[in-house]
Amino acid sequence: MAKIDLNRIRDPLEMANRLEYMIPEACLTEAQTQRGLDMIKDLREFPESFKFEHAGLKCRITRNNYMVWCGYVEHRENIDIPNSNDDATVHGGVTYWGDGEVGFDCNHLFDLSPATFIYTLHRHWNNPIIINQSHYRTSEFAIDQAKKLARLISKLSLELTELRIKGDI
């Protein structure tokens, strides 16, 4: 198998094509194969970043260099957003603050990136942690998380406005 330079694969469609070529040659279980096929489907259906509005805020999701989704939501005020990985916030917690946005990424422990999946197949590793226990976070998942973050920011912003009206701050 030819050497793969993952630093040169920047196109989601190229990543999908590479995966499609490698999966049949790999000794994968049915579940592992399905994980790869789900990843290919998401890479092909949603190769680019896109923008939307939710809870009155601008949101966007985009892929990083590992082809995993990152989500960003605008925020207009200096509000304290909880940074925990629980139901009160987003997957993996808030990992980005800046330029009027807060964001998160889907590249945490047990998140499977297309780049890691290809590298694992290329090295012929059947690493159970990487292949069996990790999950690829789809565009649908990232959109849901961005919407969740937008609702949280909107709620916190409303609470801050109410405190200002009362004169508590």
N, C-alpha and C. Protein backbone atom coordinates (compact mmCIF):
# COMPACT_ATOMS: atom_id res chain seq x y z
N MET A 1 0.84 -1.17 0.00
CA MET A 1 0.00 0.00 0.00
C MET A 1 0.89 1.24 0.00
N ALA A 2 0.55 2.22 -0.81
CA ALA A 2 1.34 3.43 -0.92
C ALA A 2 1.30 4.23 0.38
N LYS A 3 2.37 4.95 0.62
CA LYS A 3 2.45 5.78 1.82
C LYS A 3 1.41 6.90 1.74
N ILE A 4 0.76 7.16 2.86
CA ILE A 4 -0.25 8.20 2.92
C ILE A 4 0.28 9.36 3.74
N ASP A 5 0.21 10.53 3.15
CA ASP A 5 0.57 11.74 3.88
C ASP A 5 -0.73 12.43 4.27
N LEU A 6 -1.18 12.19 5.51
CA LEU A 6 -2.46 12.73 5.95
C LEU A 6 -2.45 14.25 5.98
N ASN A 7 -1.28 14.86 6.06
CA ASN A 7 -1.21 16.32 6.04
C ASN A 7 -1.60 16.89 4.69
N ARG A 8 -1.59 16.07 3.66
CA ARG A 8 -1.91 16.56 2.32
C ARG A 8 -3.37 16.34 1.96
N ILE A 9 -4.09 15.54 2.72
CA ILE A 9 -5.51 15.31 2.43
C ILE A 9 -6.32 16.39 3.13
N ARG A 10 -6.79 17.34 2.36
CA ARG A 10 -7.55 18.46 2.92
C ARG A 10 -8.98 18.49 2.39
N ASP A 11 -9.27 17.63 1.45
CA ASP A 11 -10.58 17.63 0.82
C ASP A 11 -11.41 16.46 1.35
N PRO A 12 -12.59 16.73 1.90
CA PRO A 12 -13.43 15.65 2.43
C PRO A 12 -13.77 14.59 1.38
N LEU A 13 -13.95 15.01 0.14
CA LEU A 13 -14.27 14.02 -0.91
C LEU A 13 -13.08 13.12 -1.21
N GLU A 14 -11.88 13.70 -1.18
CA GLU A 14 -10.68 12.87 -1.35
C GLU A 14 -10.54 11.90 -0.19
N MET A 15 -10.84 12.37 1.02
CA MET A 15 -10.79 11.50 2.20
C MET A 15 -11.79 10.35 2.04
N ALA A 16 -12.99 10.65 1.58
CA ALA A 16 -14.02 9.61 1.37
C ALA A 16 -13.56 8.60 0.33
N ASN A 17 -12.97 9.07 -0.75
CA ASN A 17 -12.48 8.16 -1.79
C ASN A 17 -11.37 7.26 -1.26
N ARG A 18 -10.48 7.84 -0.45
CA ARG A 18 -9.38 7.06 0.12
C ARG A 18 -9.94 5.97 1.04
N LEU A 19 -10.90 6.34 1.87
CA LEU A 19 -11.53 5.36 2.78
C LEU A 19 -12.23 4.25 2.00
N GLU A 20 -12.94 4.64 0.96
CA GLU A 20 -13.68 3.66 0.17
C GLU A 20 -12.73 2.64 -0.46
N TYR A 21 -11.55 3.08 -0.84
CA TYR A 21 -10.54 2.21 -1.41
C TYR A 21 -9.93 1.28 -0.35
N MET A 22 -9.72 1.79 0.85
CA MET A 22 -9.00 1.05 1.88
C MET A 22 -9.87 0.06 2.66
N ILE A 23 -11.12 0.37 2.87
CA ILE A 23 -11.97 -0.46 3.73
C ILE A 23 -12.08 -1.91 3.25
N PRO A 24 -12.33 -2.16 1.96
CA PRO A 24 -12.43 -3.57 1.53
C PRO A 24 -11.15 -4.37 1.73
N GLU A 25 -9.99 -3.69 1.70
CA GLU A 25 -8.70 -4.38 1.86
C GLU A 25 -8.36 -4.66 3.32
N ALA A 26 -9.03 -3.98 4.22
CA ALA A 26 -8.72 -4.13 5.64
C ALA A 26 -9.48 -5.31 6.22
N CYS A 27 -8.93 -5.92 7.23
CA CYS A 27 -9.59 -7.03 7.92
C CYS A 27 -10.44 -6.45 9.04
N LEU A 28 -11.62 -5.97 8.68
CA LEU A 28 -12.49 -5.32 9.65
C LEU A 28 -13.72 -6.18 9.95
N THR A 29 -14.24 -5.99 11.13
CA THR A 29 -15.51 -6.65 11.46
C THR A 29 -16.63 -5.90 10.74
N GLU A 30 -17.80 -6.46 10.79
CA GLU A 30 -18.96 -5.83 10.15
C GLU A 30 -19.22 -4.45 10.77
N ALA A 31 -19.13 -4.36 12.10
CA ALA A 31 -19.36 -3.09 12.79
C ALA A 31 -18.31 -2.05 12.40
N GLN A 32 -17.05 -2.48 12.31
CA GLN A 32 -15.98 -1.56 11.93
C GLN A 32 -16.18 -1.06 10.49
N THR A 33 -16.56 -1.97 9.62
CA THR A 33 -16.83 -1.60 8.23
C THR A 33 -17.96 -0.59 8.17
N GLN A 34 -19.02 -0.83 8.95
CA GLN A 34 -20.16 0.09 8.95
C GLN A 34 -19.75 1.48 9.44
N ARG A 35 -18.87 1.53 10.45
CA ARG A 35 -18.37 2.83 10.93
C ARG A 35 -17.69 3.59 9.79
N GLY A 36 -16.87 2.88 9.04
CA GLY A 36 -16.19 3.50 7.91
C GLY A 36 -17.15 3.95 6.83
N LEU A 37 -18.17 3.14 6.54
CA LEU A 37 -19.15 3.51 5.52
C LEU A 37 -19.98 4.72 5.95
N ASP A 38 -20.32 4.78 7.24
CA ASP A 38 -21.06 5.95 7.76
C ASP A 38 -20.21 7.22 7.62
N MET A 39 -18.92 7.08 7.88
CA MET A 39 -18.01 8.19 7.76
C MET A 39 -17.94 8.67 6.30
N ILE A 40 -17.82 7.72 5.38
CA ILE A 40 -17.76 8.04 3.95
C ILE A 40 -19.03 8.79 3.53
N LYS A 41 -20.17 8.30 3.98
CA LYS A 41 -21.45 8.93 3.63
C LYS A 41 -21.48 10.38 4.11
N ASP A 42 -21.07 10.63 5.34
CA ASP A 42 -21.07 11.98 5.88
C ASP A 42 -20.08 12.88 5.14
N LEU A 43 -18.90 12.35 4.84
CA LEU A 43 -17.90 13.14 4.10
C LEU A 43 -18.41 13.54 2.72
N ARG A 44 -19.16 12.66 2.08
CA ARG A 44 -19.67 12.96 0.74
C ARG A 44 -20.90 13.86 0.76
N GLU A 45 -21.79 13.62 1.71
CA GLU A 45 -23.02 14.42 1.75
C GLU A 45 -22.79 15.82 2.29
N PHE A 46 -21.83 15.97 3.19
CA PHE A 46 -21.57 17.26 3.83
C PHE A 46 -20.08 17.58 3.81
N PRO A 47 -19.52 17.81 2.62
CA PRO A 47 -18.08 18.04 2.56
C PRO A 47 -17.65 19.42 3.05
N GLU A 48 -18.53 20.38 2.96
CA GLU A 48 -18.15 21.76 3.28
C GLU A 48 -18.78 22.21 4.58
N SER A 49 -18.31 23.33 5.06
CA SER A 49 -18.92 23.94 6.23
C SER A 49 -20.22 24.62 5.79
N PHE A 50 -21.10 24.80 6.73
CA PHE A 50 -22.29 25.56 6.39
C PHE A 50 -22.81 26.31 7.60
N LYS A 51 -23.65 27.32 7.29
CA LYS A 51 -24.13 28.25 8.30
C LYS A 51 -25.64 28.13 8.44
N PHE A 52 -26.13 28.47 9.64
CA PHE A 52 -27.56 28.47 9.90
C PHE A 52 -27.82 29.35 11.11
N GLU A 53 -29.07 29.61 11.39
CA GLU A 53 -29.44 30.38 12.58
C GLU A 53 -30.27 29.50 13.49
N HIS A 54 -30.07 29.71 14.79
CA HIS A 54 -30.86 28.98 15.79
C HIS A 54 -30.92 29.84 17.05
N ALA A 55 -32.07 29.89 17.66
CA ALA A 55 -32.30 30.66 18.90
C ALA A 55 -31.87 32.12 18.72
N GLY A 56 -32.04 32.64 17.49
CA GLY A 56 -31.70 34.03 17.22
C GLY A 56 -30.21 34.29 17.05
N LEU A 57 -29.41 33.25 16.98
CA LEU A 57 -27.95 33.41 16.86
C LEU A 57 -27.42 32.74 15.59
N LYS A 58 -26.36 33.32 15.05
CA LYS A 58 -25.72 32.73 13.88
C LYS A 58 -24.86 31.56 14.33
N CYS A 59 -24.97 30.46 13.62
CA CYS A 59 -24.21 29.24 13.92
C CYS A 59 -23.52 28.77 12.65
N ARG A 60 -22.46 28.02 12.84
CA ARG A 60 -21.81 27.39 11.69
C ARG A 60 -21.08 26.14 12.15
N ILE A 61 -20.96 25.20 11.25
CA ILE A 61 -20.10 24.04 11.50
C ILE A 61 -19.12 23.95 10.34
N THR A 62 -17.93 23.51 10.66
CA THR A 62 -16.88 23.38 9.66
C THR A 62 -15.97 22.22 10.05
N ARG A 63 -15.27 21.67 9.09
CA ARG A 63 -14.34 20.57 9.38
C ARG A 63 -12.95 21.13 9.68
N ASN A 64 -12.25 20.47 10.61
CA ASN A 64 -10.87 20.87 10.87
C ASN A 64 -9.93 20.01 10.02
N ASN A 65 -8.64 20.08 10.27
CA ASN A 65 -7.66 19.34 9.45
C ASN A 65 -7.81 17.83 9.55
N TYR A 66 -8.43 17.35 10.62
CA TYR A 66 -8.64 15.91 10.78
C TYR A 66 -9.98 15.48 10.20
N MET A 67 -10.68 16.43 9.58
CA MET A 67 -11.99 16.21 8.96
C MET A 67 -13.10 15.95 9.97
N VAL A 68 -12.89 16.34 11.21
CA VAL A 68 -13.96 16.25 12.20
C VAL A 68 -14.67 17.59 12.26
N TRP A 69 -15.91 17.56 12.71
CA TRP A 69 -16.71 18.78 12.76
C TRP A 69 -16.35 19.62 13.98
N CYS A 70 -16.36 20.92 13.76
CA CYS A 70 -16.26 21.91 14.82
C CYS A 70 -17.47 22.82 14.66
N GLY A 71 -18.05 23.23 15.77
CA GLY A 71 -19.22 24.10 15.71
C GLY A 71 -18.95 25.41 16.40
N TYR A 72 -19.52 26.48 15.86
CA TYR A 72 -19.32 27.82 16.40
C TYR A 72 -20.65 28.55 16.47
N VAL A 73 -20.84 29.31 17.53
CA VAL A 73 -22.05 30.11 17.72
C VAL A 73 -21.62 31.52 18.12
N GLU A 74 -22.26 32.51 17.50
CA GLU A 74 -21.92 33.89 17.84
C GLU A 74 -22.40 34.20 19.26
N HIS A 75 -21.70 35.10 19.89
CA HIS A 75 -22.20 35.64 21.16
C HIS A 75 -21.81 37.10 21.20
N ARG A 76 -22.75 37.91 21.64
CA ARG A 76 -22.56 39.36 21.59
C ARG A 76 -22.13 39.94 22.93
N GLU A 77 -22.29 39.17 24.00
CA GLU A 77 -22.00 39.69 25.32
C GLU A 77 -20.95 38.83 26.00
N ASN A 78 -20.33 39.41 27.00
CA ASN A 78 -19.35 38.67 27.78
C ASN A 78 -20.11 37.86 28.84
N ILE A 79 -20.47 36.65 28.48
CA ILE A 79 -21.22 35.79 29.40
C ILE A 79 -20.37 34.60 29.80
N ASP A 80 -20.62 34.10 30.98
CA ASP A 80 -19.88 32.96 31.49
C ASP A 80 -20.58 31.69 31.05
N ILE A 81 -19.97 30.98 30.13
CA ILE A 81 -20.55 29.74 29.60
C ILE A 81 -19.92 28.57 30.35
N PRO A 82 -20.76 27.70 30.92
CA PRO A 82 -20.20 26.54 31.63
C PRO A 82 -19.32 25.71 30.69
N ASN A 83 -18.19 25.27 31.18
CA ASN A 83 -17.28 24.48 30.36
C ASN A 83 -17.11 23.10 30.96
N SER A 84 -18.17 22.34 30.89
CA SER A 84 -18.12 20.96 31.38
C SER A 84 -18.69 20.06 30.31
N ASN A 85 -18.33 18.81 30.36
CA ASN A 85 -18.81 17.85 29.37
C ASN A 85 -20.01 17.12 29.94
N ASP A 86 -21.08 17.85 30.13
CA ASP A 86 -22.31 17.22 30.62
C ASP A 86 -23.49 17.76 29.81
N ASP A 87 -24.68 17.43 30.24
CA ASP A 87 -25.86 17.84 29.48
C ASP A 87 -26.10 19.34 29.49
N ALA A 88 -25.42 20.06 30.38
CA ALA A 88 -25.62 21.51 30.46
C ALA A 88 -24.89 22.26 29.35
N THR A 89 -23.93 21.63 28.73
CA THR A 89 -23.17 22.29 27.68
C THR A 89 -23.06 21.37 26.47
N VAL A 90 -22.03 21.49 25.69
CA VAL A 90 -21.90 20.72 24.45
C VAL A 90 -20.86 19.61 24.57
N HIS A 91 -20.86 18.76 23.58
CA HIS A 91 -19.93 17.63 23.51
C HIS A 91 -18.49 18.09 23.69
N GLY A 92 -17.83 17.55 24.69
CA GLY A 92 -16.43 17.90 24.94
C GLY A 92 -16.22 19.24 25.60
N GLY A 93 -17.30 19.95 25.88
CA GLY A 93 -17.19 21.28 26.47
C GLY A 93 -16.82 22.33 25.44
N VAL A 94 -16.90 23.58 25.83
CA VAL A 94 -16.53 24.68 24.95
C VAL A 94 -15.01 24.69 24.84
N THR A 95 -14.50 24.67 23.61
CA THR A 95 -13.06 24.62 23.39
C THR A 95 -12.53 25.84 22.64
N TYR A 96 -13.42 26.77 22.31
CA TYR A 96 -12.98 27.96 21.57
C TYR A 96 -13.77 29.17 22.03
N TRP A 97 -13.06 30.25 22.34
CA TRP A 97 -13.64 31.56 22.64
C TRP A 97 -12.85 32.56 21.85
N GLY A 98 -13.52 33.38 21.07
CA GLY A 98 -12.81 34.44 20.35
C GLY A 98 -13.58 34.95 19.17
N ASP A 99 -13.23 36.14 18.71
CA ASP A 99 -13.83 36.74 17.53
C ASP A 99 -15.36 36.74 17.57
N GLY A 100 -15.92 36.96 18.75
CA GLY A 100 -17.38 37.02 18.88
C GLY A 100 -18.06 35.67 18.75
N GLU A 101 -17.29 34.59 18.89
CA GLU A 101 -17.84 33.24 18.78
C GLU A 101 -17.36 32.37 19.93
N VAL A 102 -18.15 31.37 20.25
CA VAL A 102 -17.69 30.28 21.11
C VAL A 102 -17.88 29.01 20.30
N GLY A 103 -17.06 28.01 20.59
CA GLY A 103 -17.14 26.81 19.78
C GLY A 103 -16.74 25.56 20.51
N PHE A 104 -16.92 24.46 19.82
CA PHE A 104 -16.60 23.13 20.32
C PHE A 104 -16.06 22.32 19.16
N ASP A 105 -15.48 21.18 19.47
CA ASP A 105 -15.01 20.30 18.41
C ASP A 105 -15.39 18.86 18.73
N CYS A 106 -15.36 18.04 17.72
CA CYS A 106 -15.70 16.61 17.85
C CYS A 106 -14.45 15.77 17.68
N ASN A 107 -13.39 16.15 18.37
CA ASN A 107 -12.12 15.43 18.27
C ASN A 107 -11.56 15.19 19.67
N HIS A 108 -12.36 14.49 20.47
CA HIS A 108 -11.98 14.19 21.85
C HIS A 108 -11.76 12.68 21.99
N LEU A 109 -11.38 12.27 23.18
CA LEU A 109 -11.20 10.85 23.46
C LEU A 109 -12.48 10.11 23.07
N PHE A 110 -12.33 9.05 22.34
CA PHE A 110 -13.41 8.21 21.83
C PHE A 110 -14.20 8.87 20.70
N ASP A 111 -13.70 9.97 20.14
CA ASP A 111 -14.23 10.50 18.89
C ASP A 111 -13.31 9.99 17.78
N LEU A 112 -13.90 9.44 16.76
CA LEU A 112 -13.11 8.88 15.66
C LEU A 112 -13.06 9.87 14.51
N SER A 113 -11.87 10.26 14.14
CA SER A 113 -11.72 11.17 13.00
C SER A 113 -11.42 10.35 11.74
N PRO A 114 -11.85 10.84 10.58
CA PRO A 114 -11.49 10.15 9.34
C PRO A 114 -9.99 10.00 9.17
N ALA A 115 -9.22 11.00 9.58
CA ALA A 115 -7.76 10.93 9.45
C ALA A 115 -7.20 9.79 10.30
N THR A 116 -7.69 9.66 11.53
CA THR A 116 -7.22 8.59 12.41
C THR A 116 -7.64 7.22 11.87
N PHE A 117 -8.85 7.14 11.35
CA PHE A 117 -9.35 5.88 10.79
C PHE A 117 -8.47 5.43 9.62
N ILE A 118 -8.16 6.36 8.72
CA ILE A 118 -7.30 6.02 7.57
C ILE A 118 -5.91 5.63 8.05
N TYR A 119 -5.35 6.38 8.97
CA TYR A 119 -4.02 6.08 9.47
C TYR A 119 -3.99 4.68 10.11
N THR A 120 -5.03 4.36 10.85
CA THR A 120 -5.12 3.05 11.50
C THR A 120 -5.20 1.94 10.45
N LEU A 121 -6.02 2.14 9.42
CA LEU A 121 -6.12 1.14 8.35
C LEU A 121 -4.80 1.01 7.60
N HIS A 122 -4.17 2.14 7.34
CA HIS A 122 -2.92 2.14 6.59
C HIS A 122 -1.82 1.39 7.35
N ARG A 123 -1.80 1.53 8.65
CA ARG A 123 -0.78 0.87 9.47
C ARG A 123 -1.17 -0.57 9.83
N HIS A 124 -2.34 -1.00 9.35
CA HIS A 124 -2.85 -2.35 9.63
C HIS A 124 -3.02 -2.59 11.12
N TRP A 125 -3.37 -1.54 11.83
CA TRP A 125 -3.64 -1.68 13.25
C TRP A 125 -5.10 -2.03 13.40
N ASN A 126 -5.40 -3.00 14.19
CA ASN A 126 -6.79 -3.24 14.53
C ASN A 126 -6.92 -2.88 16.00
N ASN A 127 -6.62 -1.62 16.27
CA ASN A 127 -6.62 -1.12 17.63
C ASN A 127 -8.05 -1.04 18.14
N PRO A 128 -8.42 -1.84 19.14
CA PRO A 128 -9.81 -1.86 19.58
C PRO A 128 -10.29 -0.53 20.13
N ILE A 129 -9.40 0.25 20.72
CA ILE A 129 -9.84 1.55 21.24
C ILE A 129 -10.17 2.48 20.09
N ILE A 130 -9.30 2.54 19.10
CA ILE A 130 -9.52 3.45 17.98
C ILE A 130 -10.69 2.99 17.11
N ILE A 131 -10.72 1.74 16.75
CA ILE A 131 -11.72 1.28 15.78
C ILE A 131 -13.02 0.84 16.44
N ASN A 132 -12.96 0.16 17.55
CA ASN A 132 -14.18 -0.41 18.14
C ASN A 132 -14.91 0.52 19.09
N GLN A 133 -14.18 1.27 19.89
CA GLN A 133 -14.82 2.04 20.94
C GLN A 133 -15.01 3.51 20.60
N SER A 134 -14.43 3.96 19.51
CA SER A 134 -14.56 5.36 19.12
C SER A 134 -15.77 5.53 18.21
N HIS A 135 -16.28 6.76 18.16
CA HIS A 135 -17.46 7.05 17.35
C HIS A 135 -17.18 8.27 16.47
N TYR A 136 -17.57 8.15 15.22
CA TYR A 136 -17.48 9.30 14.32
C TYR A 136 -18.69 10.18 14.57
N ARG A 137 -18.46 11.46 14.79
CA ARG A 137 -19.52 12.43 15.05
C ARG A 137 -19.93 13.06 13.72
N THR A 138 -21.15 12.80 13.30
CA THR A 138 -21.64 13.24 11.99
C THR A 138 -21.99 14.73 11.98
N SER A 139 -22.28 15.22 10.79
CA SER A 139 -22.73 16.60 10.64
C SER A 139 -24.02 16.82 11.42
N GLU A 140 -24.90 15.83 11.41
CA GLU A 140 -26.16 15.94 12.16
C GLU A 140 -25.88 16.12 13.66
N PHE A 141 -24.94 15.35 14.18
CA PHE A 141 -24.55 15.48 15.58
C PHE A 141 -24.00 16.89 15.86
N ALA A 142 -23.11 17.37 14.98
CA ALA A 142 -22.50 18.70 15.17
C ALA A 142 -23.55 19.80 15.10
N ILE A 143 -24.50 19.68 14.20
CA ILE A 143 -25.58 20.68 14.11
C ILE A 143 -26.40 20.67 15.40
N ASP A 144 -26.75 19.50 15.88
CA ASP A 144 -27.51 19.40 17.14
C ASP A 144 -26.76 20.04 18.30
N GLN A 145 -25.44 19.81 18.35
CA GLN A 145 -24.64 20.39 19.42
C GLN A 145 -24.54 21.91 19.28
N ALA A 146 -24.41 22.40 18.05
CA ALA A 146 -24.36 23.85 17.83
C ALA A 146 -25.70 24.49 18.24
N LYS A 147 -26.79 23.83 17.93
CA LYS A 147 -28.10 24.34 18.34
C LYS A 147 -28.23 24.35 19.86
N LYS A 148 -27.72 23.32 20.49
CA LYS A 148 -27.74 23.25 21.96
C LYS A 148 -26.94 24.41 22.56
N LEU A 149 -25.77 24.68 21.98
CA LEU A 149 -24.95 25.78 22.45
C LEU A 149 -25.63 27.13 22.21
N ALA A 150 -26.30 27.28 21.07
CA ALA A 150 -27.03 28.52 20.78
C ALA A 150 -28.15 28.73 21.80
N ARG A 151 -28.88 27.68 22.13
CA ARG A 151 -29.94 27.80 23.14
C ARG A 151 -29.36 28.21 24.49
N LEU A 152 -28.23 27.62 24.85
CA LEU A 152 -27.59 27.94 26.13
C LEU A 152 -27.14 29.41 26.16
N ILE A 153 -26.50 29.86 25.09
CA ILE A 153 -26.03 31.24 25.03
C ILE A 153 -27.22 32.20 25.06
N SER A 154 -28.26 31.87 24.33
CA SER A 154 -29.46 32.71 24.31
C SER A 154 -30.08 32.81 25.71
N LYS A 155 -30.15 31.68 26.39
CA LYS A 155 -30.72 31.65 27.76
C LYS A 155 -29.86 32.48 28.72
N LEU A 156 -28.54 32.28 28.66
CA LEU A 156 -27.64 33.03 29.54
C LEU A 156 -27.68 34.53 29.24
N SER A 157 -27.79 34.88 27.98
CA SER A 157 -27.87 36.28 27.59
C SER A 157 -29.16 36.92 28.09
N LEU A 158 -30.26 36.17 28.03
CA LEU A 158 -31.54 36.66 28.54
C LEU A 158 -31.48 36.86 30.05
N GLU A 159 -30.88 35.89 30.74
CA GLU A 159 -30.73 36.01 32.20
C GLU A 159 -29.89 37.24 32.56
N LEU A 160 -28.83 37.49 31.80
CA LEU A 160 -27.98 38.65 32.03
C LEU A 160 -28.76 39.94 31.81
N THR A 161 -29.57 39.98 30.77
CA THR A 161 -30.41 41.15 30.49
C THR A 161 -31.40 41.40 31.63
N GLU A 162 -32.01 40.33 32.13
CA GLU A 162 -32.96 40.47 33.24
C GLU A 162 -32.28 41.01 34.50
N LEU A 163 -31.07 40.57 34.76
CA LEU A 163 -30.32 41.08 35.93
C LEU A 163 -29.99 42.56 35.76
N ARG A 164 -29.68 42.96 34.53
CA ARG A 164 -29.40 44.38 34.25
C ARG A 164 -30.65 45.23 34.47
N ILE A 165 -31.79 44.72 34.01
CA ILE A 165 -33.05 45.45 34.16
C ILE A 165 -33.39 45.62 35.64
N LYS A 166 -33.17 44.58 36.42
CA LYS A 166 -33.43 44.64 37.86
C LYS A 166 -32.42 45.52 38.58
N GLY A 167 -31.30 45.79 37.94
CA GLY A 167 -30.25 46.59 38.58
C GLY A 167 -29.33 45.78 39.45
N ASP A 168 -29.37 44.44 39.31
CA ASP A 168 -28.52 43.57 40.13
C ASP A 168 -27.07 43.56 39.66
N ILE A 169 -26.83 44.03 38.46
CA ILE A 169 -25.44 44.10 37.98
C ILE A 169 -25.20 45.42 37.28
